[in-house]
Amino acid sequence: MMAEEKWTAETWPAAPERQTLEAKNKFVGFWLFLGGETVLFATLFATYLALKDKVPSADHKLAIDLFELPLVFATTMILLTSSLTSVYAIYHMKNFQFKKMMVWLGVTVLLGASFLTLEIYEFNHYVHEFHHTFTSSAFGSAFYTLTGFHGAHVAFGLCWILTLMVRNAKRGLNLYNAPKFYIASLYWHFIDVVWVFIFTVVYLMGMVG
């Protein structure tokens, strides 16, 4: 099998993620999966926009009272930077530089974990300082559902990348695992794009009322 062939930097194909029929089928399935995810997130965004002003009383905090832009901006920069490090990882994959790819994937994982840590801190702050919980209002339910669902995707992405790194640490690169690394990277970019929309729709629009 081609996946078992001994590759070198000179013989490694320019697009290793698309060299086999299995890899091409994986891409088709992945794009269908992303299509479903896009529809799901669009539904959550629409729900949030419909409920963002729905609170039980005038004393209840709205987005403009809750959000702290410096913290959210920091988490955004961390996640966007992780997207860039993921690009570096795939660049080295395409150049058959396995160790460098693994290093950049490790950096991506660290940045993703930092993002999740700050997001958990943010949620904890809202709950304890403002009593803004999932059940306190329709706004709270919509907010935590959207951002929490995205956070769950980040956690899944981290587990996916870590699993690939551990399982292939001694195998090196081949045409069997190259598509897996590439698709995991595409998934990570999707998560980043969704967060840009969350940052804009939820936080920036929320800060201006």
N, C-alpha and C. Protein backbone atom coordinates (compact mmCIF):
# COMPACT_ATOMS: atom_id res chain seq x y z
N MET A 1 0.84 -1.20 0.00
CA MET A 1 0.00 0.00 0.00
C MET A 1 0.87 1.24 0.00
N MET A 2 0.34 2.32 -0.61
CA MET A 2 1.10 3.56 -0.67
C MET A 2 1.34 4.12 0.72
N ALA A 3 0.37 3.91 1.63
CA ALA A 3 0.50 4.46 2.97
C ALA A 3 1.67 3.83 3.71
N GLU A 4 2.09 2.59 3.29
CA GLU A 4 3.16 1.89 3.97
C GLU A 4 4.50 2.12 3.31
N GLU A 5 4.53 2.82 2.20
CA GLU A 5 5.77 3.09 1.50
C GLU A 5 6.67 3.99 2.34
N LYS A 6 7.98 3.79 2.22
CA LYS A 6 8.94 4.62 2.93
C LYS A 6 9.13 5.92 2.17
N TRP A 7 8.70 7.00 2.78
CA TRP A 7 8.76 8.29 2.11
C TRP A 7 9.97 9.09 2.56
N THR A 8 10.40 9.98 1.68
CA THR A 8 11.44 10.95 2.00
C THR A 8 10.93 12.32 1.60
N ALA A 9 11.67 13.35 1.97
CA ALA A 9 11.27 14.71 1.63
C ALA A 9 11.21 14.90 0.11
N GLU A 10 12.04 14.13 -0.61
CA GLU A 10 12.08 14.26 -2.07
C GLU A 10 10.91 13.55 -2.75
N THR A 11 10.46 12.43 -2.18
CA THR A 11 9.39 11.65 -2.81
C THR A 11 8.01 11.97 -2.25
N TRP A 12 7.95 12.69 -1.14
CA TRP A 12 6.68 13.02 -0.50
C TRP A 12 5.85 13.90 -1.43
N PRO A 13 4.59 13.56 -1.73
CA PRO A 13 3.76 14.34 -2.66
C PRO A 13 3.44 15.73 -2.12
N ALA A 14 3.14 16.64 -3.04
CA ALA A 14 2.85 18.03 -2.66
C ALA A 14 1.55 18.16 -1.89
N ALA A 15 0.59 17.28 -2.19
CA ALA A 15 -0.70 17.30 -1.49
C ALA A 15 -0.96 15.92 -0.91
N PRO A 16 -0.24 15.55 0.14
CA PRO A 16 -0.36 14.19 0.68
C PRO A 16 -1.73 13.87 1.23
N GLU A 17 -2.50 14.90 1.56
CA GLU A 17 -3.82 14.67 2.16
C GLU A 17 -4.86 14.22 1.14
N ARG A 18 -4.52 14.25 -0.15
CA ARG A 18 -5.49 13.90 -1.18
C ARG A 18 -4.99 12.81 -2.13
N GLN A 19 -4.06 12.02 -1.71
CA GLN A 19 -3.42 11.07 -2.61
C GLN A 19 -4.16 9.75 -2.76
N THR A 20 -5.01 9.41 -1.81
CA THR A 20 -5.71 8.12 -1.86
C THR A 20 -7.22 8.34 -1.99
N LEU A 21 -7.89 7.32 -2.50
CA LEU A 21 -9.35 7.39 -2.63
C LEU A 21 -10.00 7.51 -1.25
N GLU A 22 -9.45 6.82 -0.27
CA GLU A 22 -9.98 6.90 1.09
C GLU A 22 -9.91 8.33 1.61
N ALA A 23 -8.79 9.00 1.33
CA ALA A 23 -8.62 10.38 1.78
C ALA A 23 -9.65 11.29 1.11
N LYS A 24 -9.86 11.10 -0.18
CA LYS A 24 -10.84 11.93 -0.90
C LYS A 24 -12.24 11.71 -0.35
N ASN A 25 -12.57 10.47 -0.02
CA ASN A 25 -13.88 10.18 0.57
C ASN A 25 -14.03 10.84 1.95
N LYS A 26 -12.93 10.87 2.70
CA LYS A 26 -12.96 11.53 4.01
C LYS A 26 -13.26 13.01 3.86
N PHE A 27 -12.71 13.63 2.83
CA PHE A 27 -12.96 15.05 2.60
C PHE A 27 -14.43 15.30 2.30
N VAL A 28 -15.02 14.44 1.48
CA VAL A 28 -16.44 14.59 1.15
C VAL A 28 -17.28 14.49 2.42
N GLY A 29 -17.01 13.47 3.22
CA GLY A 29 -17.75 13.30 4.47
C GLY A 29 -17.54 14.46 5.42
N PHE A 30 -16.32 14.97 5.46
CA PHE A 30 -16.02 16.08 6.37
C PHE A 30 -16.77 17.34 5.97
N TRP A 31 -16.81 17.65 4.67
CA TRP A 31 -17.52 18.85 4.23
C TRP A 31 -19.02 18.73 4.48
N LEU A 32 -19.56 17.53 4.34
CA LEU A 32 -20.97 17.33 4.68
C LEU A 32 -21.20 17.55 6.17
N PHE A 33 -20.27 17.07 6.97
CA PHE A 33 -20.34 17.27 8.42
C PHE A 33 -20.29 18.75 8.76
N LEU A 34 -19.38 19.49 8.13
CA LEU A 34 -19.28 20.93 8.40
C LEU A 34 -20.54 21.67 7.96
N GLY A 35 -21.16 21.20 6.88
CA GLY A 35 -22.41 21.81 6.45
C GLY A 35 -23.47 21.70 7.52
N GLY A 36 -23.59 20.51 8.12
CA GLY A 36 -24.54 20.32 9.20
C GLY A 36 -24.21 21.16 10.42
N GLU A 37 -22.92 21.26 10.74
CA GLU A 37 -22.48 22.07 11.87
C GLU A 37 -22.79 23.55 11.64
N THR A 38 -22.61 24.00 10.41
CA THR A 38 -22.89 25.40 10.08
C THR A 38 -24.37 25.72 10.29
N VAL A 39 -25.23 24.83 9.84
CA VAL A 39 -26.67 25.03 10.03
C VAL A 39 -27.01 25.06 11.51
N LEU A 40 -26.40 24.17 12.28
CA LEU A 40 -26.67 24.12 13.72
C LEU A 40 -26.23 25.40 14.42
N PHE A 41 -25.04 25.88 14.09
CA PHE A 41 -24.57 27.13 14.70
C PHE A 41 -25.42 28.31 14.24
N ALA A 42 -25.84 28.32 12.99
CA ALA A 42 -26.70 29.40 12.50
C ALA A 42 -28.00 29.44 13.29
N THR A 43 -28.53 28.28 13.62
CA THR A 43 -29.75 28.20 14.43
C THR A 43 -29.51 28.78 15.82
N LEU A 44 -28.37 28.46 16.41
CA LEU A 44 -28.04 28.97 17.74
C LEU A 44 -27.83 30.48 17.72
N PHE A 45 -27.22 30.99 16.65
CA PHE A 45 -27.06 32.44 16.52
C PHE A 45 -28.42 33.12 16.41
N ALA A 46 -29.30 32.56 15.60
CA ALA A 46 -30.63 33.15 15.43
C ALA A 46 -31.40 33.14 16.75
N THR A 47 -31.26 32.05 17.49
CA THR A 47 -31.93 31.95 18.80
C THR A 47 -31.38 33.00 19.76
N TYR A 48 -30.07 33.17 19.76
CA TYR A 48 -29.46 34.17 20.65
C TYR A 48 -29.95 35.57 20.30
N LEU A 49 -29.97 35.91 19.02
CA LEU A 49 -30.41 37.25 18.62
C LEU A 49 -31.86 37.49 19.00
N ALA A 50 -32.66 36.44 18.98
CA ALA A 50 -34.07 36.59 19.35
C ALA A 50 -34.26 36.74 20.85
N LEU A 51 -33.33 36.21 21.65
CA LEU A 51 -33.51 36.18 23.10
C LEU A 51 -32.55 37.07 23.88
N LYS A 52 -31.66 37.77 23.20
CA LYS A 52 -30.61 38.50 23.91
C LYS A 52 -31.13 39.62 24.81
N ASP A 53 -32.33 40.09 24.59
CA ASP A 53 -32.90 41.15 25.43
C ASP A 53 -34.00 40.63 26.36
N LYS A 54 -34.16 39.31 26.39
CA LYS A 54 -35.23 38.72 27.20
C LYS A 54 -34.72 38.41 28.61
N VAL A 55 -35.02 39.31 29.54
CA VAL A 55 -34.65 39.12 30.94
C VAL A 55 -35.89 39.30 31.80
N PRO A 56 -35.92 38.68 32.99
CA PRO A 56 -37.14 38.71 33.82
C PRO A 56 -37.47 40.07 34.41
N SER A 57 -36.47 40.95 34.57
CA SER A 57 -36.75 42.26 35.17
C SER A 57 -35.72 43.27 34.69
N ALA A 58 -36.01 44.53 34.94
CA ALA A 58 -35.11 45.60 34.53
C ALA A 58 -33.79 45.57 35.31
N ASP A 59 -33.79 44.91 36.45
CA ASP A 59 -32.58 44.83 37.27
C ASP A 59 -31.61 43.75 36.78
N HIS A 60 -32.10 42.89 35.91
CA HIS A 60 -31.25 41.80 35.44
C HIS A 60 -30.23 42.33 34.44
N LYS A 61 -29.01 41.84 34.54
CA LYS A 61 -27.92 42.31 33.69
C LYS A 61 -28.11 41.85 32.24
N LEU A 62 -27.84 42.80 31.34
CA LEU A 62 -27.82 42.50 29.91
C LEU A 62 -26.36 42.42 29.44
N ALA A 63 -26.19 42.15 28.16
CA ALA A 63 -24.84 41.98 27.63
C ALA A 63 -23.96 43.19 27.89
N ILE A 64 -24.50 44.37 27.71
CA ILE A 64 -23.71 45.59 27.87
C ILE A 64 -23.22 45.76 29.31
N ASP A 65 -23.92 45.16 30.26
CA ASP A 65 -23.52 45.24 31.67
C ASP A 65 -22.55 44.14 32.07
N LEU A 66 -22.53 43.06 31.31
CA LEU A 66 -21.76 41.88 31.70
C LEU A 66 -20.37 41.82 31.08
N PHE A 67 -20.32 42.00 29.78
CA PHE A 67 -19.13 41.64 29.03
C PHE A 67 -17.96 42.58 29.31
N GLU A 68 -16.78 41.99 29.43
CA GLU A 68 -15.54 42.73 29.61
C GLU A 68 -14.69 42.52 28.36
N LEU A 69 -14.66 43.54 27.51
CA LEU A 69 -14.04 43.40 26.20
C LEU A 69 -12.56 43.01 26.25
N PRO A 70 -11.75 43.56 27.18
CA PRO A 70 -10.33 43.15 27.20
C PRO A 70 -10.14 41.65 27.36
N LEU A 71 -10.92 41.03 28.24
CA LEU A 71 -10.80 39.58 28.45
C LEU A 71 -11.21 38.82 27.20
N VAL A 72 -12.33 39.21 26.62
CA VAL A 72 -12.82 38.51 25.43
C VAL A 72 -11.87 38.74 24.25
N PHE A 73 -11.30 39.93 24.16
CA PHE A 73 -10.34 40.22 23.09
C PHE A 73 -9.11 39.33 23.24
N ALA A 74 -8.67 39.13 24.49
CA ALA A 74 -7.51 38.27 24.74
C ALA A 74 -7.80 36.83 24.32
N THR A 75 -8.97 36.32 24.67
CA THR A 75 -9.31 34.95 24.28
C THR A 75 -9.41 34.83 22.76
N THR A 76 -9.92 35.88 22.13
CA THR A 76 -10.03 35.87 20.67
C THR A 76 -8.66 35.82 20.02
N MET A 77 -7.73 36.62 20.49
CA MET A 77 -6.37 36.63 19.94
C MET A 77 -5.68 35.29 20.15
N ILE A 78 -5.93 34.67 21.30
CA ILE A 78 -5.34 33.36 21.57
C ILE A 78 -5.85 32.33 20.57
N LEU A 79 -7.16 32.33 20.33
CA LEU A 79 -7.73 31.33 19.42
C LEU A 79 -7.30 31.59 17.98
N LEU A 80 -7.25 32.86 17.57
CA LEU A 80 -6.80 33.18 16.22
C LEU A 80 -5.33 32.81 16.03
N THR A 81 -4.53 33.01 17.06
CA THR A 81 -3.13 32.61 16.98
C THR A 81 -3.00 31.10 16.84
N SER A 82 -3.87 30.37 17.52
CA SER A 82 -3.84 28.91 17.41
C SER A 82 -4.17 28.46 15.99
N SER A 83 -4.99 29.23 15.31
CA SER A 83 -5.29 28.91 13.91
C SER A 83 -4.04 29.07 13.05
N LEU A 84 -3.25 30.11 13.35
CA LEU A 84 -2.01 30.34 12.62
C LEU A 84 -1.00 29.23 12.90
N THR A 85 -0.88 28.81 14.14
CA THR A 85 0.06 27.73 14.45
C THR A 85 -0.37 26.42 13.80
N SER A 86 -1.67 26.24 13.64
CA SER A 86 -2.18 25.07 12.92
C SER A 86 -1.75 25.11 11.45
N VAL A 87 -1.77 26.31 10.87
CA VAL A 87 -1.30 26.47 9.49
C VAL A 87 0.17 26.08 9.38
N TYR A 88 0.98 26.52 10.34
CA TYR A 88 2.40 26.16 10.34
C TYR A 88 2.57 24.65 10.41
N ALA A 89 1.75 24.00 11.23
CA ALA A 89 1.84 22.54 11.36
C ALA A 89 1.58 21.85 10.03
N ILE A 90 0.55 22.28 9.34
CA ILE A 90 0.22 21.66 8.05
C ILE A 90 1.27 21.99 7.00
N TYR A 91 1.84 23.18 7.08
CA TYR A 91 2.94 23.54 6.17
C TYR A 91 4.09 22.53 6.31
N HIS A 92 4.45 22.22 7.54
CA HIS A 92 5.53 21.27 7.77
C HIS A 92 5.11 19.85 7.39
N MET A 93 3.83 19.54 7.53
CA MET A 93 3.36 18.24 7.08
C MET A 93 3.56 18.09 5.58
N LYS A 94 3.22 19.13 4.84
CA LYS A 94 3.36 19.09 3.39
C LYS A 94 4.82 19.01 2.95
N ASN A 95 5.72 19.44 3.83
CA ASN A 95 7.15 19.39 3.52
C ASN A 95 7.85 18.20 4.18
N PHE A 96 7.04 17.27 4.70
CA PHE A 96 7.55 16.04 5.30
C PHE A 96 8.50 16.32 6.46
N GLN A 97 8.11 17.27 7.29
CA GLN A 97 8.89 17.62 8.48
C GLN A 97 8.04 17.27 9.71
N PHE A 98 8.05 16.00 10.05
CA PHE A 98 7.14 15.47 11.06
C PHE A 98 7.35 16.10 12.43
N LYS A 99 8.59 16.21 12.86
CA LYS A 99 8.86 16.75 14.19
C LYS A 99 8.40 18.20 14.32
N LYS A 100 8.66 18.99 13.29
CA LYS A 100 8.22 20.39 13.32
C LYS A 100 6.70 20.48 13.31
N MET A 101 6.06 19.59 12.55
CA MET A 101 4.61 19.57 12.55
C MET A 101 4.08 19.27 13.95
N MET A 102 4.68 18.31 14.62
CA MET A 102 4.23 17.94 15.96
C MET A 102 4.43 19.08 16.95
N VAL A 103 5.53 19.81 16.80
CA VAL A 103 5.79 20.96 17.69
C VAL A 103 4.69 22.00 17.54
N TRP A 104 4.35 22.33 16.29
CA TRP A 104 3.34 23.37 16.06
C TRP A 104 1.95 22.88 16.46
N LEU A 105 1.69 21.60 16.30
CA LEU A 105 0.42 21.07 16.80
C LEU A 105 0.37 21.16 18.32
N GLY A 106 1.50 20.91 18.97
CA GLY A 106 1.55 21.05 20.42
C GLY A 106 1.28 22.47 20.87
N VAL A 107 1.83 23.44 20.14
CA VAL A 107 1.57 24.85 20.45
C VAL A 107 0.09 25.16 20.25
N THR A 108 -0.48 24.60 19.19
CA THR A 108 -1.91 24.80 18.93
C THR A 108 -2.76 24.28 20.09
N VAL A 109 -2.41 23.11 20.58
CA VAL A 109 -3.14 22.53 21.71
C VAL A 109 -3.01 23.40 22.96
N LEU A 110 -1.82 23.90 23.23
CA LEU A 110 -1.62 24.76 24.40
C LEU A 110 -2.45 26.03 24.30
N LEU A 111 -2.49 26.62 23.13
CA LEU A 111 -3.28 27.84 22.94
C LEU A 111 -4.77 27.54 23.07
N GLY A 112 -5.20 26.41 22.51
CA GLY A 112 -6.60 26.03 22.64
C GLY A 112 -7.00 25.79 24.08
N ALA A 113 -6.11 25.15 24.83
CA ALA A 113 -6.38 24.91 26.25
C ALA A 113 -6.42 26.23 27.02
N SER A 114 -5.58 27.18 26.63
CA SER A 114 -5.60 28.51 27.27
C SER A 114 -6.92 29.22 27.01
N PHE A 115 -7.40 29.09 25.78
CA PHE A 115 -8.70 29.68 25.43
C PHE A 115 -9.80 29.11 26.32
N LEU A 116 -9.83 27.79 26.46
CA LEU A 116 -10.86 27.16 27.28
C LEU A 116 -10.76 27.59 28.74
N THR A 117 -9.54 27.71 29.23
CA THR A 117 -9.33 28.13 30.62
C THR A 117 -9.91 29.52 30.86
N LEU A 118 -9.63 30.44 29.93
CA LEU A 118 -10.15 31.80 30.07
C LEU A 118 -11.67 31.83 29.92
N GLU A 119 -12.20 30.99 29.06
CA GLU A 119 -13.65 30.96 28.89
C GLU A 119 -14.33 30.44 30.16
N ILE A 120 -13.76 29.43 30.77
CA ILE A 120 -14.31 28.92 32.04
C ILE A 120 -14.24 30.00 33.11
N TYR A 121 -13.12 30.73 33.15
CA TYR A 121 -12.99 31.84 34.10
C TYR A 121 -14.06 32.89 33.84
N GLU A 122 -14.30 33.18 32.57
CA GLU A 122 -15.33 34.17 32.21
C GLU A 122 -16.70 33.73 32.70
N PHE A 123 -17.06 32.49 32.43
CA PHE A 123 -18.37 31.98 32.86
C PHE A 123 -18.49 32.02 34.38
N ASN A 124 -17.43 31.61 35.05
CA ASN A 124 -17.44 31.61 36.52
C ASN A 124 -17.63 33.03 37.06
N HIS A 125 -17.01 33.99 36.40
CA HIS A 125 -17.14 35.40 36.81
C HIS A 125 -18.58 35.87 36.67
N TYR A 126 -19.21 35.53 35.55
CA TYR A 126 -20.61 35.95 35.33
C TYR A 126 -21.54 35.32 36.37
N VAL A 127 -21.29 34.07 36.69
CA VAL A 127 -22.17 33.36 37.62
C VAL A 127 -22.04 33.91 39.04
N HIS A 128 -20.81 34.10 39.49
CA HIS A 128 -20.60 34.48 40.88
C HIS A 128 -20.71 35.99 41.13
N GLU A 129 -20.36 36.79 40.15
CA GLU A 129 -20.41 38.24 40.34
C GLU A 129 -21.77 38.83 39.97
N PHE A 130 -22.42 38.26 38.96
CA PHE A 130 -23.67 38.84 38.47
C PHE A 130 -24.85 37.88 38.57
N HIS A 131 -24.62 36.67 39.06
CA HIS A 131 -25.68 35.66 39.15
C HIS A 131 -26.32 35.42 37.77
N HIS A 132 -25.48 35.52 36.76
CA HIS A 132 -25.92 35.30 35.38
C HIS A 132 -25.71 33.82 35.05
N THR A 133 -26.76 33.03 35.20
CA THR A 133 -26.66 31.59 35.01
C THR A 133 -27.47 31.14 33.80
N PHE A 134 -27.38 29.85 33.54
CA PHE A 134 -28.11 29.29 32.40
C PHE A 134 -29.62 29.42 32.57
N THR A 135 -30.08 29.35 33.81
CA THR A 135 -31.52 29.37 34.08
C THR A 135 -32.04 30.72 34.58
N SER A 136 -31.17 31.72 34.67
CA SER A 136 -31.61 33.01 35.22
C SER A 136 -32.47 33.81 34.26
N SER A 137 -32.33 33.54 32.97
CA SER A 137 -33.12 34.28 31.97
C SER A 137 -33.00 33.58 30.62
N ALA A 138 -33.87 33.98 29.69
CA ALA A 138 -33.77 33.45 28.33
C ALA A 138 -32.46 33.89 27.69
N PHE A 139 -32.05 35.12 28.00
CA PHE A 139 -30.76 35.62 27.52
C PHE A 139 -29.62 34.73 28.00
N GLY A 140 -29.63 34.38 29.29
CA GLY A 140 -28.59 33.52 29.83
C GLY A 140 -28.58 32.15 29.17
N SER A 141 -29.75 31.59 28.95
CA SER A 141 -29.83 30.28 28.31
C SER A 141 -29.26 30.32 26.90
N ALA A 142 -29.63 31.35 26.14
CA ALA A 142 -29.15 31.47 24.76
C ALA A 142 -27.65 31.72 24.73
N PHE A 143 -27.16 32.56 25.63
CA PHE A 143 -25.73 32.89 25.67
C PHE A 143 -24.89 31.66 26.00
N TYR A 144 -25.24 30.97 27.07
CA TYR A 144 -24.44 29.82 27.48
C TYR A 144 -24.57 28.65 26.51
N THR A 145 -25.72 28.52 25.87
CA THR A 145 -25.87 27.46 24.87
C THR A 145 -24.95 27.69 23.69
N LEU A 146 -24.94 28.91 23.17
CA LEU A 146 -24.11 29.22 22.01
C LEU A 146 -22.62 29.14 22.34
N THR A 147 -22.20 29.87 23.36
CA THR A 147 -20.77 29.89 23.69
C THR A 147 -20.30 28.56 24.26
N GLY A 148 -21.17 27.91 25.04
CA GLY A 148 -20.80 26.61 25.60
C GLY A 148 -20.70 25.54 24.53
N PHE A 149 -21.59 25.59 23.54
CA PHE A 149 -21.54 24.63 22.44
C PHE A 149 -20.25 24.81 21.65
N HIS A 150 -19.87 26.06 21.44
CA HIS A 150 -18.59 26.32 20.77
C HIS A 150 -17.43 25.82 21.63
N GLY A 151 -17.49 26.08 22.93
CA GLY A 151 -16.43 25.60 23.82
C GLY A 151 -16.31 24.09 23.79
N ALA A 152 -17.44 23.39 23.68
CA ALA A 152 -17.41 21.93 23.58
C ALA A 152 -16.72 21.49 22.30
N HIS A 153 -16.92 22.26 21.23
CA HIS A 153 -16.24 21.96 19.96
C HIS A 153 -14.74 22.18 20.09
N VAL A 154 -14.35 23.21 20.81
CA VAL A 154 -12.92 23.44 21.05
C VAL A 154 -12.32 22.27 21.82
N ALA A 155 -13.01 21.83 22.86
CA ALA A 155 -12.53 20.69 23.66
C ALA A 155 -12.42 19.43 22.80
N PHE A 156 -13.42 19.21 21.95
CA PHE A 156 -13.37 18.05 21.05
C PHE A 156 -12.19 18.16 20.10
N GLY A 157 -11.98 19.36 19.55
CA GLY A 157 -10.86 19.57 18.63
C GLY A 157 -9.53 19.30 19.30
N LEU A 158 -9.39 19.74 20.54
CA LEU A 158 -8.15 19.48 21.29
C LEU A 158 -7.93 17.99 21.49
N CYS A 159 -8.98 17.28 21.87
CA CYS A 159 -8.89 15.82 22.07
C CYS A 159 -8.54 15.12 20.76
N TRP A 160 -9.11 15.59 19.67
CA TRP A 160 -8.85 15.01 18.35
C TRP A 160 -7.37 15.17 17.99
N ILE A 161 -6.86 16.39 18.10
CA ILE A 161 -5.47 16.65 17.75
C ILE A 161 -4.52 15.88 18.65
N LEU A 162 -4.81 15.89 19.95
CA LEU A 162 -3.95 15.15 20.90
C LEU A 162 -3.94 13.66 20.59
N THR A 163 -5.10 13.11 20.26
CA THR A 163 -5.18 11.69 19.92
C THR A 163 -4.32 11.37 18.70
N LEU A 164 -4.41 12.22 17.68
CA LEU A 164 -3.59 12.02 16.48
C LEU A 164 -2.11 12.10 16.81
N MET A 165 -1.74 13.05 17.66
CA MET A 165 -0.33 13.21 18.02
C MET A 165 0.19 11.99 18.76
N VAL A 166 -0.58 11.49 19.71
CA VAL A 166 -0.14 10.35 20.52
C VAL A 166 -0.08 9.07 19.68
N ARG A 167 -1.12 8.84 18.88
CA ARG A 167 -1.19 7.60 18.11
C ARG A 167 -0.13 7.52 17.02
N ASN A 168 0.29 8.68 16.51
CA ASN A 168 1.22 8.68 15.39
C ASN A 168 2.62 9.16 15.77
N ALA A 169 2.88 9.30 17.07
CA ALA A 169 4.17 9.82 17.52
C ALA A 169 5.34 8.99 17.02
N LYS A 170 5.17 7.66 16.95
CA LYS A 170 6.26 6.79 16.52
C LYS A 170 6.10 6.32 15.08
N ARG A 171 4.99 6.64 14.47
CA ARG A 171 4.75 6.17 13.11
C ARG A 171 5.32 7.10 12.05
N GLY A 172 5.41 8.37 12.39
CA GLY A 172 5.82 9.33 11.38
C GLY A 172 4.69 9.62 10.41
N LEU A 173 5.03 10.29 9.33
CA LEU A 173 4.02 10.66 8.34
C LEU A 173 3.88 9.60 7.27
N ASN A 174 2.64 9.36 6.85
CA ASN A 174 2.37 8.51 5.70
C ASN A 174 1.06 8.98 5.07
N LEU A 175 0.69 8.36 3.99
CA LEU A 175 -0.51 8.79 3.27
C LEU A 175 -1.79 8.35 3.96
N TYR A 176 -1.66 7.56 5.02
CA TYR A 176 -2.84 7.17 5.79
C TYR A 176 -3.18 8.21 6.85
N ASN A 177 -2.17 8.73 7.54
CA ASN A 177 -2.47 9.69 8.61
C ASN A 177 -2.40 11.14 8.18
N ALA A 178 -1.76 11.44 7.05
CA ALA A 178 -1.69 12.83 6.59
C ALA A 178 -3.08 13.45 6.41
N PRO A 179 -4.05 12.75 5.79
CA PRO A 179 -5.39 13.34 5.67
C PRO A 179 -6.04 13.60 7.03
N LYS A 180 -5.73 12.77 8.01
CA LYS A 180 -6.32 12.95 9.34
C LYS A 180 -5.81 14.23 9.99
N PHE A 181 -4.52 14.48 9.88
CA PHE A 181 -3.97 15.72 10.41
C PHE A 181 -4.56 16.93 9.69
N TYR A 182 -4.68 16.81 8.38
CA TYR A 182 -5.18 17.92 7.58
C TYR A 182 -6.63 18.24 7.92
N ILE A 183 -7.46 17.22 8.03
CA ILE A 183 -8.88 17.43 8.33
C ILE A 183 -9.05 17.97 9.74
N ALA A 184 -8.24 17.49 10.68
CA ALA A 184 -8.30 18.04 12.04
C ALA A 184 -7.96 19.53 12.03
N SER A 185 -7.01 19.91 11.18
CA SER A 185 -6.65 21.32 11.07
C SER A 185 -7.80 22.13 10.47
N LEU A 186 -8.45 21.59 9.45
CA LEU A 186 -9.61 22.28 8.87
C LEU A 186 -10.71 22.46 9.91
N TYR A 187 -10.93 21.45 10.70
CA TYR A 187 -11.93 21.54 11.77
C TYR A 187 -11.56 22.65 12.74
N TRP A 188 -10.28 22.76 13.06
CA TRP A 188 -9.83 23.81 13.98
C TRP A 188 -10.08 25.20 13.39
N HIS A 189 -9.84 25.34 12.08
CA HIS A 189 -10.12 26.62 11.43
C HIS A 189 -11.61 26.94 11.47
N PHE A 190 -12.44 25.93 11.30
CA PHE A 190 -13.89 26.14 11.39
C PHE A 190 -14.27 26.67 12.76
N ILE A 191 -13.70 26.09 13.81
CA ILE A 191 -13.97 26.55 15.17
C ILE A 191 -13.57 28.02 15.32
N ASP A 192 -12.43 28.38 14.74
CA ASP A 192 -11.96 29.76 14.83
C ASP A 192 -12.90 30.72 14.12
N VAL A 193 -13.37 30.32 12.94
CA VAL A 193 -14.29 31.18 12.18
C VAL A 193 -15.59 31.38 12.96
N VAL A 194 -16.10 30.31 13.55
CA VAL A 194 -17.32 30.43 14.36
C VAL A 194 -17.10 31.40 15.51
N TRP A 195 -15.93 31.34 16.14
CA TRP A 195 -15.66 32.25 17.25
C TRP A 195 -15.61 33.71 16.80
N VAL A 196 -15.10 33.96 15.62
CA VAL A 196 -15.09 35.33 15.10
C VAL A 196 -16.51 35.86 15.01
N PHE A 197 -17.44 35.02 14.57
CA PHE A 197 -18.85 35.42 14.52
C PHE A 197 -19.41 35.63 15.93
N ILE A 198 -19.04 34.74 16.86
CA ILE A 198 -19.50 34.91 18.24
C ILE A 198 -18.96 36.21 18.82
N PHE A 199 -17.69 36.47 18.61
CA PHE A 199 -17.07 37.70 19.11
C PHE A 199 -17.78 38.93 18.56
N THR A 200 -18.14 38.88 17.29
CA THR A 200 -18.79 40.02 16.65
C THR A 200 -20.25 40.16 17.07
N VAL A 201 -21.00 39.07 16.94
CA VAL A 201 -22.45 39.13 17.17
C VAL A 201 -22.79 39.22 18.66
N VAL A 202 -22.12 38.41 19.47
CA VAL A 202 -22.46 38.36 20.89
C VAL A 202 -21.79 39.48 21.67
N TYR A 203 -20.49 39.60 21.52
CA TYR A 203 -19.74 40.52 22.38
C TYR A 203 -19.71 41.95 21.84
N LEU A 204 -19.26 42.14 20.60
CA LEU A 204 -19.17 43.51 20.08
C LEU A 204 -20.54 44.16 19.97
N MET A 205 -21.49 43.44 19.38
CA MET A 205 -22.85 43.99 19.27
C MET A 205 -23.48 44.16 20.65
N GLY A 206 -23.13 43.26 21.58
CA GLY A 206 -23.66 43.37 22.93
C GLY A 206 -23.12 44.58 23.66
N MET A 207 -21.87 44.95 23.38
CA MET A 207 -21.27 46.09 24.06
C MET A 207 -21.85 47.42 23.61
N VAL A 208 -22.39 47.46 22.39
CA VAL A 208 -22.98 48.71 21.90
C VAL A 208 -24.48 48.76 22.16
N GLY A 209 -25.02 47.69 22.75
CA GLY A 209 -26.43 47.69 23.12
C GLY A 209 -27.35 47.25 22.02
